Amino acid sequence: MKETVIKVEGMVCNGCENRVQNALKNIDGVEDVVADHTTGTVKVTSKSEVSEDVMKEKIEDIGFEVKED
């Protein structure tokens, strides 16, 4: 398992958190997702073969912006 933290801009409420969590949980290999709109982060626990790029693309597909470090 690996843990990935992605910075996301545009989450402003619990509904936004739920949208992000549900979108990422639909990716094969993703085990757990915790989105936090107050910190603007999404913590993803997944199998090692899940690409971070796939996760970021899924977040952007539903209308949020991924912030690069």
N, C-alpha and C. Protein backbone atom coordinates (compact mmCIF):
# COMPACT_ATOMS: atom_id res chain seq x y z
N MET A 1 0.84 -1.19 0.00
CA MET A 1 0.00 0.00 0.00
C MET A 1 0.88 1.25 0.00
N LYS A 2 0.35 2.27 -0.62
CA LYS A 2 1.04 3.55 -0.56
C LYS A 2 0.03 4.64 -0.23
N GLU A 3 0.52 5.71 0.37
CA GLU A 3 -0.33 6.85 0.72
C GLU A 3 0.13 8.05 -0.10
N THR A 4 -0.82 8.68 -0.75
CA THR A 4 -0.55 9.85 -1.58
C THR A 4 -1.35 11.02 -1.06
N VAL A 5 -0.72 12.18 -0.93
CA VAL A 5 -1.43 13.39 -0.53
C VAL A 5 -1.44 14.34 -1.72
N ILE A 6 -2.64 14.75 -2.11
CA ILE A 6 -2.81 15.64 -3.26
C ILE A 6 -3.44 16.94 -2.77
N LYS A 7 -2.86 18.06 -3.17
CA LYS A 7 -3.43 19.36 -2.82
C LYS A 7 -4.48 19.72 -3.87
N VAL A 8 -5.66 20.09 -3.39
CA VAL A 8 -6.78 20.38 -4.28
C VAL A 8 -7.36 21.75 -3.95
N GLU A 9 -7.58 22.55 -4.98
CA GLU A 9 -8.18 23.86 -4.81
C GLU A 9 -9.63 23.80 -5.27
N GLY A 10 -10.51 24.45 -4.53
CA GLY A 10 -11.91 24.53 -4.94
C GLY A 10 -12.87 23.76 -4.05
N MET A 11 -12.35 22.93 -3.14
CA MET A 11 -13.24 22.24 -2.20
C MET A 11 -13.62 23.24 -1.11
N VAL A 12 -14.92 23.50 -0.95
CA VAL A 12 -15.36 24.50 0.02
C VAL A 12 -16.34 23.95 1.07
N CYS A 13 -16.72 22.68 0.94
CA CYS A 13 -17.71 22.14 1.87
C CYS A 13 -17.62 20.62 1.93
N ASN A 14 -18.43 20.04 2.80
CA ASN A 14 -18.46 18.58 2.91
C ASN A 14 -18.95 17.92 1.62
N GLY A 15 -19.83 18.58 0.91
CA GLY A 15 -20.31 18.04 -0.36
C GLY A 15 -19.17 17.90 -1.37
N CYS A 16 -18.29 18.90 -1.39
CA CYS A 16 -17.12 18.84 -2.27
C CYS A 16 -16.23 17.66 -1.88
N GLU A 17 -16.02 17.50 -0.58
CA GLU A 17 -15.21 16.38 -0.09
C GLU A 17 -15.81 15.06 -0.57
N ASN A 18 -17.12 14.92 -0.44
CA ASN A 18 -17.79 13.68 -0.85
C ASN A 18 -17.65 13.42 -2.34
N ARG A 19 -17.75 14.47 -3.16
CA ARG A 19 -17.60 14.31 -4.61
C ARG A 19 -16.21 13.78 -4.94
N VAL A 20 -15.18 14.36 -4.32
CA VAL A 20 -13.81 13.93 -4.58
C VAL A 20 -13.60 12.49 -4.09
N GLN A 21 -14.06 12.21 -2.87
CA GLN A 21 -13.90 10.87 -2.31
C GLN A 21 -14.58 9.82 -3.19
N ASN A 22 -15.79 10.08 -3.60
CA ASN A 22 -16.53 9.11 -4.42
C ASN A 22 -15.86 8.89 -5.77
N ALA A 23 -15.37 9.97 -6.38
CA ALA A 23 -14.71 9.84 -7.69
C ALA A 23 -13.44 8.99 -7.57
N LEU A 24 -12.66 9.22 -6.53
CA LEU A 24 -11.40 8.48 -6.39
C LEU A 24 -11.62 7.03 -5.95
N LYS A 25 -12.66 6.79 -5.16
CA LYS A 25 -12.94 5.42 -4.73
C LYS A 25 -13.35 4.52 -5.89
N ASN A 26 -13.77 5.12 -7.00
CA ASN A 26 -14.15 4.34 -8.19
C ASN A 26 -12.95 3.87 -9.00
N ILE A 27 -11.74 4.30 -8.65
CA ILE A 27 -10.54 3.86 -9.36
C ILE A 27 -10.11 2.51 -8.80
N ASP A 28 -9.90 1.54 -9.67
CA ASP A 28 -9.43 0.22 -9.24
C ASP A 28 -8.12 0.35 -8.50
N GLY A 29 -8.04 -0.26 -7.32
CA GLY A 29 -6.82 -0.24 -6.54
C GLY A 29 -6.82 0.79 -5.42
N VAL A 30 -7.77 1.72 -5.44
CA VAL A 30 -7.87 2.71 -4.37
C VAL A 30 -8.61 2.07 -3.20
N GLU A 31 -7.98 2.09 -2.03
CA GLU A 31 -8.55 1.46 -0.84
C GLU A 31 -9.32 2.44 0.03
N ASP A 32 -8.77 3.65 0.22
CA ASP A 32 -9.40 4.62 1.10
C ASP A 32 -9.08 6.03 0.63
N VAL A 33 -10.03 6.95 0.83
CA VAL A 33 -9.83 8.35 0.46
C VAL A 33 -10.38 9.22 1.58
N VAL A 34 -9.56 10.20 2.01
CA VAL A 34 -10.02 11.18 3.00
C VAL A 34 -9.74 12.57 2.43
N ALA A 35 -10.82 13.28 2.09
CA ALA A 35 -10.69 14.65 1.58
C ALA A 35 -11.00 15.61 2.73
N ASP A 36 -10.27 16.72 2.78
CA ASP A 36 -10.48 17.72 3.82
C ASP A 36 -10.49 19.11 3.18
N HIS A 37 -11.67 19.71 3.11
CA HIS A 37 -11.77 21.02 2.45
C HIS A 37 -11.10 22.13 3.26
N THR A 38 -10.95 21.95 4.57
CA THR A 38 -10.34 23.00 5.38
C THR A 38 -8.84 23.11 5.13
N THR A 39 -8.20 21.99 4.80
CA THR A 39 -6.76 22.01 4.50
C THR A 39 -6.49 21.96 3.00
N GLY A 40 -7.52 21.65 2.21
CA GLY A 40 -7.34 21.54 0.76
C GLY A 40 -6.52 20.34 0.35
N THR A 41 -6.64 19.27 1.13
CA THR A 41 -5.88 18.07 0.80
C THR A 41 -6.77 16.84 0.65
N VAL A 42 -6.27 15.90 -0.12
CA VAL A 42 -6.92 14.60 -0.28
C VAL A 42 -5.84 13.55 -0.01
N LYS A 43 -6.11 12.68 0.93
CA LYS A 43 -5.18 11.60 1.28
C LYS A 43 -5.74 10.30 0.71
N VAL A 44 -4.96 9.66 -0.16
CA VAL A 44 -5.41 8.46 -0.84
C VAL A 44 -4.53 7.28 -0.44
N THR A 45 -5.15 6.22 0.03
CA THR A 45 -4.44 4.97 0.30
C THR A 45 -4.78 4.02 -0.84
N SER A 46 -3.74 3.53 -1.51
CA SER A 46 -3.97 2.70 -2.70
C SER A 46 -2.91 1.63 -2.83
N LYS A 47 -3.18 0.70 -3.73
CA LYS A 47 -2.18 -0.28 -4.10
C LYS A 47 -1.12 0.46 -4.91
N SER A 48 0.09 -0.02 -4.88
CA SER A 48 1.21 0.71 -5.48
C SER A 48 1.08 0.92 -6.98
N GLU A 49 0.29 0.10 -7.67
CA GLU A 49 0.20 0.26 -9.12
C GLU A 49 -0.73 1.39 -9.57
N VAL A 50 -1.44 2.02 -8.65
CA VAL A 50 -2.32 3.13 -9.02
C VAL A 50 -1.49 4.38 -9.25
N SER A 51 -1.63 4.96 -10.44
CA SER A 51 -0.85 6.14 -10.82
C SER A 51 -1.42 7.40 -10.19
N GLU A 52 -0.52 8.23 -9.65
CA GLU A 52 -0.94 9.51 -9.09
C GLU A 52 -1.54 10.39 -10.18
N ASP A 53 -1.05 10.28 -11.40
CA ASP A 53 -1.59 11.06 -12.51
C ASP A 53 -3.05 10.72 -12.78
N VAL A 54 -3.41 9.44 -12.64
CA VAL A 54 -4.80 9.01 -12.84
C VAL A 54 -5.69 9.65 -11.77
N MET A 55 -5.20 9.67 -10.53
CA MET A 55 -5.97 10.29 -9.44
C MET A 55 -6.18 11.77 -9.69
N LYS A 56 -5.11 12.45 -10.09
CA LYS A 56 -5.20 13.90 -10.35
C LYS A 56 -6.15 14.19 -11.50
N GLU A 57 -6.10 13.38 -12.54
CA GLU A 57 -6.98 13.57 -13.69
C GLU A 57 -8.44 13.40 -13.28
N LYS A 58 -8.71 12.42 -12.43
CA LYS A 58 -10.08 12.18 -11.98
C LYS A 58 -10.61 13.38 -11.18
N ILE A 59 -9.74 13.96 -10.34
CA ILE A 59 -10.13 15.14 -9.55
C ILE A 59 -10.45 16.32 -10.48
N GLU A 60 -9.61 16.52 -11.48
CA GLU A 60 -9.84 17.62 -12.42
C GLU A 60 -11.07 17.38 -13.29
N ASP A 61 -11.35 16.12 -13.61
CA ASP A 61 -12.54 15.78 -14.41
C ASP A 61 -13.84 16.20 -13.73
N ILE A 62 -13.85 16.23 -12.38
CA ILE A 62 -15.08 16.61 -11.70
C ILE A 62 -15.09 18.08 -11.29
N GLY A 63 -14.11 18.86 -11.79
CA GLY A 63 -14.18 20.31 -11.66
C GLY A 63 -13.31 20.96 -10.62
N PHE A 64 -12.38 20.22 -10.04
CA PHE A 64 -11.48 20.81 -9.04
C PHE A 64 -10.09 20.95 -9.65
N GLU A 65 -9.30 21.82 -9.05
CA GLU A 65 -7.95 22.08 -9.56
C GLU A 65 -6.92 21.43 -8.64
N VAL A 66 -6.03 20.64 -9.23
CA VAL A 66 -4.94 20.05 -8.48
C VAL A 66 -3.79 21.05 -8.42
N LYS A 67 -3.28 21.29 -7.22
CA LYS A 67 -2.18 22.23 -7.02
C LYS A 67 -0.88 21.44 -6.93
N GLU A 68 0.09 21.83 -7.73
CA GLU A 68 1.40 21.18 -7.69
C GLU A 68 2.23 21.89 -6.62
N ASP A 69 3.09 21.14 -5.97
CA ASP A 69 3.97 21.73 -4.93
C ASP A 69 4.94 22.71 -5.53
